[in-house]
Amino acid sequence: MAITDKIWNIYVGQSWIGTLTPSGADDQWYYAGFAPGDAWGNFAPWFSQAVQAHKAGDQAGWQDIYQQITLMTLTITADDGESYTNPTLHIDGADAWFTV
């Protein structure tokens, strides 16, 4: 199955922060709906700051913030066991886009 045919659970360390439901792709990016998980409230500020820096074109700021997330080990995992560690993932409200 393709990445776009699977539902992906997002974890930071052992904390489940949400689910990605892919809706499409272009080039190397996958687009998905985001549904928050149990620990989303703990990590939402990190992702919000990262996406704000990205949208502002502040690459260094984005990298600084995102590095903190990846140091805690960001993982996306499908039900069939396929997983990716430290993908690039942007979450903006109910929308997400990622690359692995």
N, C-alpha and C. Protein backbone atom coordinates (compact mmCIF):
# COMPACT_ATOMS: atom_id res chain seq x y z
N MET A 1 0.84 -1.19 0.00
CA MET A 1 0.00 0.00 0.00
C MET A 1 0.88 1.25 0.00
N ALA A 2 0.40 2.27 -0.64
CA ALA A 2 1.11 3.54 -0.69
C ALA A 2 0.91 4.32 0.61
N ILE A 3 1.77 5.26 0.84
CA ILE A 3 1.66 6.11 2.03
C ILE A 3 0.29 6.78 2.08
N THR A 4 -0.22 7.19 0.93
CA THR A 4 -1.52 7.88 0.90
C THR A 4 -2.71 6.96 1.16
N ASP A 5 -2.47 5.65 1.19
CA ASP A 5 -3.55 4.69 1.44
C ASP A 5 -3.64 4.25 2.90
N LYS A 6 -2.84 4.85 3.76
CA LYS A 6 -2.78 4.42 5.16
C LYS A 6 -3.11 5.56 6.10
N ILE A 7 -3.58 5.20 7.28
CA ILE A 7 -3.77 6.14 8.38
C ILE A 7 -2.50 6.08 9.23
N TRP A 8 -1.97 7.24 9.59
CA TRP A 8 -0.71 7.32 10.32
C TRP A 8 -0.91 7.90 11.71
N ASN A 9 -0.39 7.21 12.71
CA ASN A 9 -0.38 7.73 14.08
C ASN A 9 0.93 8.44 14.31
N ILE A 10 0.85 9.59 14.96
CA ILE A 10 2.03 10.41 15.22
C ILE A 10 2.39 10.29 16.70
N TYR A 11 3.66 10.02 16.95
CA TYR A 11 4.16 9.94 18.32
C TYR A 11 5.37 10.85 18.48
N VAL A 12 5.47 11.47 19.64
CA VAL A 12 6.70 12.12 20.07
C VAL A 12 7.13 11.31 21.29
N GLY A 13 8.23 10.59 21.13
CA GLY A 13 8.60 9.61 22.16
C GLY A 13 7.49 8.57 22.22
N GLN A 14 6.94 8.35 23.40
CA GLN A 14 5.85 7.40 23.59
C GLN A 14 4.47 8.08 23.62
N SER A 15 4.45 9.39 23.44
CA SER A 15 3.20 10.15 23.53
C SER A 15 2.51 10.22 22.17
N TRP A 16 1.25 9.78 22.14
CA TRP A 16 0.45 9.81 20.92
C TRP A 16 -0.11 11.21 20.75
N ILE A 17 0.32 11.90 19.70
CA ILE A 17 -0.14 13.28 19.54
C ILE A 17 -1.23 13.43 18.49
N GLY A 18 -1.46 12.40 17.67
CA GLY A 18 -2.54 12.52 16.72
C GLY A 18 -2.46 11.56 15.57
N THR A 19 -3.37 11.79 14.61
CA THR A 19 -3.51 10.91 13.46
C THR A 19 -3.48 11.73 12.18
N LEU A 20 -2.80 11.20 11.18
CA LEU A 20 -2.77 11.80 9.85
C LEU A 20 -3.59 10.92 8.91
N THR A 21 -4.51 11.54 8.17
CA THR A 21 -5.28 10.85 7.15
C THR A 21 -4.93 11.49 5.81
N PRO A 22 -4.03 10.87 5.04
CA PRO A 22 -3.58 11.48 3.78
C PRO A 22 -4.72 11.71 2.80
N SER A 23 -4.62 12.85 2.11
CA SER A 23 -5.64 13.22 1.13
C SER A 23 -5.04 13.43 -0.26
N GLY A 24 -3.71 13.43 -0.35
CA GLY A 24 -3.08 13.63 -1.65
C GLY A 24 -1.58 13.82 -1.50
N ALA A 25 -0.94 14.00 -2.64
CA ALA A 25 0.51 14.17 -2.64
C ALA A 25 0.92 14.93 -3.89
N ASP A 26 2.06 15.60 -3.78
CA ASP A 26 2.70 16.17 -4.96
C ASP A 26 4.21 16.16 -4.72
N ASP A 27 4.93 15.77 -5.73
CA ASP A 27 6.38 15.67 -5.64
C ASP A 27 6.74 14.84 -4.41
N GLN A 28 7.36 15.42 -3.40
CA GLN A 28 7.79 14.67 -2.22
C GLN A 28 6.88 14.90 -1.01
N TRP A 29 5.88 15.77 -1.11
CA TRP A 29 5.03 16.11 0.02
C TRP A 29 3.72 15.34 -0.01
N TYR A 30 3.28 14.93 1.17
CA TYR A 30 1.98 14.30 1.37
C TYR A 30 1.12 15.27 2.16
N TYR A 31 -0.14 15.37 1.79
CA TYR A 31 -1.09 16.26 2.46
C TYR A 31 -2.09 15.40 3.22
N ALA A 32 -2.46 15.87 4.41
CA ALA A 32 -3.31 15.03 5.26
C ALA A 32 -4.18 15.88 6.17
N GLY A 33 -5.28 15.27 6.58
CA GLY A 33 -6.06 15.84 7.66
C GLY A 33 -5.41 15.43 8.97
N PHE A 34 -5.48 16.28 9.96
CA PHE A 34 -4.90 15.99 11.27
C PHE A 34 -6.01 15.95 12.31
N ALA A 35 -6.00 14.89 13.12
CA ALA A 35 -6.91 14.77 14.26
C ALA A 35 -6.05 14.64 15.51
N PRO A 36 -6.24 15.52 16.49
CA PRO A 36 -5.39 15.49 17.68
C PRO A 36 -5.58 14.24 18.53
N GLY A 37 -4.48 13.82 19.13
CA GLY A 37 -4.49 12.68 20.05
C GLY A 37 -4.39 13.14 21.49
N ASP A 38 -4.23 12.19 22.38
CA ASP A 38 -4.23 12.45 23.82
C ASP A 38 -3.19 13.47 24.27
N ALA A 39 -2.01 13.45 23.68
CA ALA A 39 -0.92 14.31 24.13
C ALA A 39 -0.74 15.56 23.26
N TRP A 40 -1.68 15.83 22.35
CA TRP A 40 -1.51 16.96 21.45
C TRP A 40 -1.30 18.27 22.22
N GLY A 41 -2.03 18.49 23.27
CA GLY A 41 -1.92 19.73 24.04
C GLY A 41 -0.51 19.99 24.55
N ASN A 42 0.23 18.93 24.82
CA ASN A 42 1.61 19.09 25.30
C ASN A 42 2.56 19.53 24.19
N PHE A 43 2.26 19.21 22.96
CA PHE A 43 3.18 19.47 21.85
C PHE A 43 2.66 20.51 20.86
N ALA A 44 1.39 20.88 20.96
CA ALA A 44 0.81 21.85 20.03
C ALA A 44 1.61 23.15 19.94
N PRO A 45 2.08 23.73 21.07
CA PRO A 45 2.85 24.97 20.95
C PRO A 45 4.12 24.82 20.11
N TRP A 46 4.78 23.68 20.20
CA TRP A 46 6.00 23.45 19.41
C TRP A 46 5.68 23.46 17.92
N PHE A 47 4.65 22.71 17.55
CA PHE A 47 4.29 22.63 16.13
C PHE A 47 3.75 23.97 15.63
N SER A 48 3.01 24.68 16.46
CA SER A 48 2.50 25.99 16.07
C SER A 48 3.64 26.97 15.81
N GLN A 49 4.60 27.01 16.70
CA GLN A 49 5.76 27.89 16.51
C GLN A 49 6.54 27.51 15.27
N ALA A 50 6.69 26.22 15.04
CA ALA A 50 7.44 25.75 13.87
C ALA A 50 6.75 26.16 12.58
N VAL A 51 5.43 25.97 12.50
CA VAL A 51 4.72 26.30 11.26
C VAL A 51 4.69 27.82 11.06
N GLN A 52 4.60 28.59 12.14
CA GLN A 52 4.63 30.05 12.02
C GLN A 52 5.98 30.51 11.46
N ALA A 53 7.07 29.94 11.97
CA ALA A 53 8.40 30.29 11.47
C ALA A 53 8.53 29.89 10.00
N HIS A 54 8.02 28.71 9.65
CA HIS A 54 8.08 28.24 8.26
C HIS A 54 7.31 29.19 7.35
N LYS A 55 6.11 29.57 7.74
CA LYS A 55 5.29 30.47 6.91
C LYS A 55 5.92 31.85 6.77
N ALA A 56 6.67 32.28 7.79
CA ALA A 56 7.33 33.58 7.76
C ALA A 56 8.64 33.55 6.97
N GLY A 57 9.03 32.36 6.53
CA GLY A 57 10.28 32.24 5.79
C GLY A 57 11.51 32.23 6.68
N ASP A 58 11.30 32.02 7.98
CA ASP A 58 12.40 32.00 8.95
C ASP A 58 12.94 30.57 9.05
N GLN A 59 13.78 30.21 8.10
CA GLN A 59 14.30 28.84 8.04
C GLN A 59 15.11 28.48 9.29
N ALA A 60 15.94 29.39 9.76
CA ALA A 60 16.75 29.12 10.95
C ALA A 60 15.86 28.94 12.18
N GLY A 61 14.84 29.78 12.31
CA GLY A 61 13.91 29.66 13.43
C GLY A 61 13.15 28.35 13.37
N TRP A 62 12.69 28.00 12.16
CA TRP A 62 11.98 26.73 11.99
C TRP A 62 12.88 25.56 12.37
N GLN A 63 14.12 25.57 11.90
CA GLN A 63 15.04 24.47 12.20
C GLN A 63 15.32 24.36 13.69
N ASP A 64 15.48 25.49 14.36
CA ASP A 64 15.73 25.47 15.81
C ASP A 64 14.57 24.82 16.56
N ILE A 65 13.36 25.23 16.21
CA ILE A 65 12.17 24.68 16.89
C ILE A 65 11.99 23.21 16.53
N TYR A 66 12.08 22.90 15.24
CA TYR A 66 11.83 21.54 14.79
C TYR A 66 12.87 20.57 15.32
N GLN A 67 14.10 21.04 15.49
CA GLN A 67 15.15 20.18 16.04
C GLN A 67 14.77 19.73 17.45
N GLN A 68 14.14 20.60 18.21
CA GLN A 68 13.71 20.22 19.56
C GLN A 68 12.69 19.08 19.51
N ILE A 69 11.79 19.14 18.53
CA ILE A 69 10.80 18.07 18.37
C ILE A 69 11.49 16.76 17.99
N THR A 70 12.41 16.82 17.03
CA THR A 70 13.05 15.58 16.59
C THR A 70 13.99 15.01 17.64
N LEU A 71 14.52 15.85 18.51
CA LEU A 71 15.35 15.33 19.60
C LEU A 71 14.53 14.45 20.55
N MET A 72 13.22 14.69 20.58
CA MET A 72 12.33 13.88 21.42
C MET A 72 11.83 12.65 20.65
N THR A 73 12.27 12.46 19.43
CA THR A 73 11.95 11.36 18.52
C THR A 73 10.50 11.41 18.05
N LEU A 74 10.34 12.03 16.90
CA LEU A 74 9.05 12.11 16.21
C LEU A 74 8.93 10.89 15.31
N THR A 75 7.81 10.19 15.40
CA THR A 75 7.60 8.99 14.59
C THR A 75 6.17 9.00 14.05
N ILE A 76 6.02 8.58 12.79
CA ILE A 76 4.69 8.28 12.27
C ILE A 76 4.65 6.78 11.98
N THR A 77 3.55 6.16 12.38
CA THR A 77 3.42 4.71 12.28
C THR A 77 2.05 4.33 11.74
N ALA A 78 2.04 3.44 10.75
CA ALA A 78 0.78 2.92 10.20
C ALA A 78 0.40 1.63 10.93
N ASP A 79 -0.86 1.24 10.80
CA ASP A 79 -1.34 0.03 11.47
C ASP A 79 -0.62 -1.23 11.02
N ASP A 80 -0.08 -1.22 9.78
CA ASP A 80 0.61 -2.42 9.29
C ASP A 80 2.06 -2.49 9.78
N GLY A 81 2.48 -1.53 10.60
CA GLY A 81 3.83 -1.55 11.18
C GLY A 81 4.84 -0.68 10.46
N GLU A 82 4.50 -0.21 9.27
CA GLU A 82 5.42 0.70 8.57
C GLU A 82 5.57 1.97 9.40
N SER A 83 6.80 2.44 9.55
CA SER A 83 7.00 3.65 10.33
C SER A 83 8.19 4.44 9.80
N TYR A 84 8.18 5.72 10.13
CA TYR A 84 9.25 6.63 9.76
C TYR A 84 9.60 7.46 10.98
N THR A 85 10.89 7.55 11.25
CA THR A 85 11.37 8.33 12.39
C THR A 85 11.85 9.68 11.89
N ASN A 86 11.44 10.71 12.60
CA ASN A 86 11.79 12.10 12.33
C ASN A 86 11.49 12.56 10.90
N PRO A 87 10.22 12.32 10.45
CA PRO A 87 9.83 12.89 9.17
C PRO A 87 9.71 14.41 9.32
N THR A 88 9.71 15.11 8.22
CA THR A 88 9.40 16.54 8.28
C THR A 88 7.87 16.64 8.28
N LEU A 89 7.33 17.25 9.32
CA LEU A 89 5.88 17.29 9.52
C LEU A 89 5.47 18.69 9.95
N HIS A 90 4.54 19.27 9.21
CA HIS A 90 3.95 20.56 9.58
C HIS A 90 2.49 20.30 9.94
N ILE A 91 2.06 20.86 11.05
CA ILE A 91 0.65 20.75 11.46
C ILE A 91 0.13 22.16 11.68
N ASP A 92 -0.96 22.48 10.99
CA ASP A 92 -1.58 23.80 11.09
C ASP A 92 -3.08 23.59 11.23
N GLY A 93 -3.54 23.57 12.47
CA GLY A 93 -4.95 23.29 12.72
C GLY A 93 -5.28 21.86 12.32
N ALA A 94 -6.29 21.70 11.47
CA ALA A 94 -6.71 20.37 11.02
C ALA A 94 -5.97 19.91 9.76
N ASP A 95 -5.02 20.72 9.31
CA ASP A 95 -4.26 20.40 8.10
C ASP A 95 -2.82 20.04 8.45
N ALA A 96 -2.28 19.10 7.70
CA ALA A 96 -0.88 18.70 7.89
C ALA A 96 -0.27 18.39 6.55
N TRP A 97 1.03 18.52 6.46
CA TRP A 97 1.77 18.08 5.29
C TRP A 97 3.10 17.55 5.79
N PHE A 98 3.56 16.51 5.12
CA PHE A 98 4.76 15.83 5.62
C PHE A 98 5.52 15.18 4.47
N THR A 99 6.78 14.90 4.76
CA THR A 99 7.64 14.15 3.84
C THR A 99 8.44 13.18 4.67
N VAL A 100 8.75 12.03 4.09
CA VAL A 100 9.49 11.00 4.81
C VAL A 100 10.81 10.69 4.13
